[in-house]
Amino acid sequence: MSEPGKPSVITIPNALSFYRLLSFPFLLFLVFTHREHWFSILFCINLVTDILDGLIARLFRMTTALGAKLDSLADAGMYILAFFGI
C-alpha cells in the first residue's frame, strides 16, 4: 500500500506500459521468424494500449513520474519495433 497522499506506482496505466516493454522481445522474435500476421496483430494491440495508458492516466489522475518514464521507453521501443517490422 502507498502512504496517504503519495500516489501509488502500481496503476493500470503503468501496468499497460510495462506490458508493452515486456512484449518487445516476443515481437522481435515474431519479426525474425517471419510471422508477420501475428506481429501485426500484437503490434496493433500495443498501439491500443499506448492510447489507453495515456487516456486512463489523465482521466483518472493516475499520472506518475515512473509512468512517464515507462511510457517514453515503451514508445521508443515501439518505434524500433515498427522499423524492424517494416
Protein backbone atom coordinates (compact mmCIF):
# COMPACT_ATOMS: atom_id res chain seq x y z
CA MET A 1 0.00 0.00 0.00
CA SER A 2 1.11 3.52 -0.58
CA GLU A 3 1.30 6.19 2.07
CA PRO A 4 -1.64 8.59 2.36
CA GLY A 5 -1.22 11.47 -0.06
CA LYS A 6 1.51 9.65 -2.01
CA PRO A 7 0.47 8.23 -5.40
CA SER A 8 0.89 4.51 -5.95
CA VAL A 9 3.24 3.40 -8.71
CA ILE A 10 1.11 0.32 -9.31
CA THR A 11 -1.55 1.73 -11.60
CA ILE A 12 -3.35 0.50 -14.67
CA PRO A 13 -1.50 2.94 -16.98
CA ASN A 14 1.86 1.80 -15.57
CA ALA A 15 0.84 -1.84 -16.00
CA LEU A 16 -0.09 -1.19 -19.64
CA SER A 17 3.27 0.49 -20.31
CA PHE A 18 5.09 -2.31 -18.52
CA TYR A 19 3.21 -4.86 -20.66
CA ARG A 20 4.44 -3.09 -23.78
CA LEU A 21 8.03 -3.24 -22.51
CA LEU A 22 7.68 -6.96 -21.77
CA SER A 23 6.20 -7.64 -25.20
CA PHE A 24 9.21 -6.29 -27.14
CA PRO A 25 11.36 -9.44 -27.11
CA PHE A 26 8.39 -11.52 -28.21
CA LEU A 27 7.53 -9.10 -31.02
CA LEU A 28 11.15 -9.09 -32.19
CA PHE A 29 11.03 -12.89 -32.20
CA LEU A 30 7.94 -12.73 -34.43
CA VAL A 31 9.72 -10.37 -36.83
CA PHE A 32 12.83 -12.52 -37.13
CA THR A 33 10.83 -15.73 -37.55
CA HIS A 34 8.75 -14.15 -40.34
CA ARG A 35 5.41 -14.35 -38.55
CA GLU A 36 4.16 -11.07 -39.93
CA HIS A 37 0.49 -11.79 -39.27
CA TRP A 38 0.97 -12.30 -35.53
CA PHE A 39 3.40 -9.40 -35.35
CA SER A 40 0.80 -7.10 -36.93
CA ILE A 41 -1.92 -8.19 -34.53
CA LEU A 42 0.20 -7.81 -31.41
CA PHE A 43 1.73 -4.56 -32.62
CA CYS A 44 -1.78 -3.13 -33.06
CA ILE A 45 -2.68 -4.29 -29.55
CA ASN A 46 0.39 -2.44 -28.29
CA LEU A 47 -0.71 0.69 -30.13
CA VAL A 48 -4.13 0.50 -28.47
CA THR A 49 -2.56 0.04 -25.03
CA ASP A 50 -0.42 3.12 -25.73
CA ILE A 51 -3.57 5.15 -26.33
CA LEU A 52 -5.30 3.67 -23.30
CA ASP A 53 -2.49 4.21 -20.82
CA GLY A 54 -2.30 7.93 -21.56
CA LEU A 55 -6.06 8.34 -21.61
CA ILE A 56 -6.62 6.47 -18.33
CA ALA A 57 -3.73 8.26 -16.62
CA ARG A 58 -5.13 11.68 -17.49
CA LEU A 59 -8.82 10.95 -16.95
CA PHE A 60 -8.36 9.32 -13.56
CA ARG A 61 -5.37 11.42 -12.47
CA MET A 62 -3.06 8.42 -12.26
CA THR A 63 -0.02 10.16 -13.68
CA THR A 64 3.30 9.30 -12.03
CA ALA A 65 6.95 10.07 -12.78
CA LEU A 66 7.57 6.34 -13.20
CA GLY A 67 4.63 6.11 -15.60
CA ALA A 68 6.03 8.92 -17.74
CA LYS A 69 9.39 7.15 -17.97
CA LEU A 70 7.80 3.76 -18.69
CA ASP A 71 5.65 5.29 -21.41
CA SER A 72 8.63 7.04 -23.02
CA LEU A 73 10.66 3.82 -23.02
CA ALA A 74 7.73 1.86 -24.40
CA ASP A 75 7.18 4.47 -27.13
CA ALA A 76 10.85 4.32 -28.15
CA GLY A 77 10.60 0.55 -28.27
CA MET A 78 7.52 0.77 -30.46
CA TYR A 79 9.43 2.93 -32.97
CA ILE A 80 12.23 0.37 -33.05
CA LEU A 81 9.74 -2.48 -33.49
CA ALA A 82 7.99 -0.60 -36.29
CA PHE A 83 11.33 -0.19 -38.06
CA PHE A 84 12.17 -3.89 -37.77
CA GLY A 85 8.61 -4.89 -38.65
CA ILE A 86 8.73 -2.98 -41.91
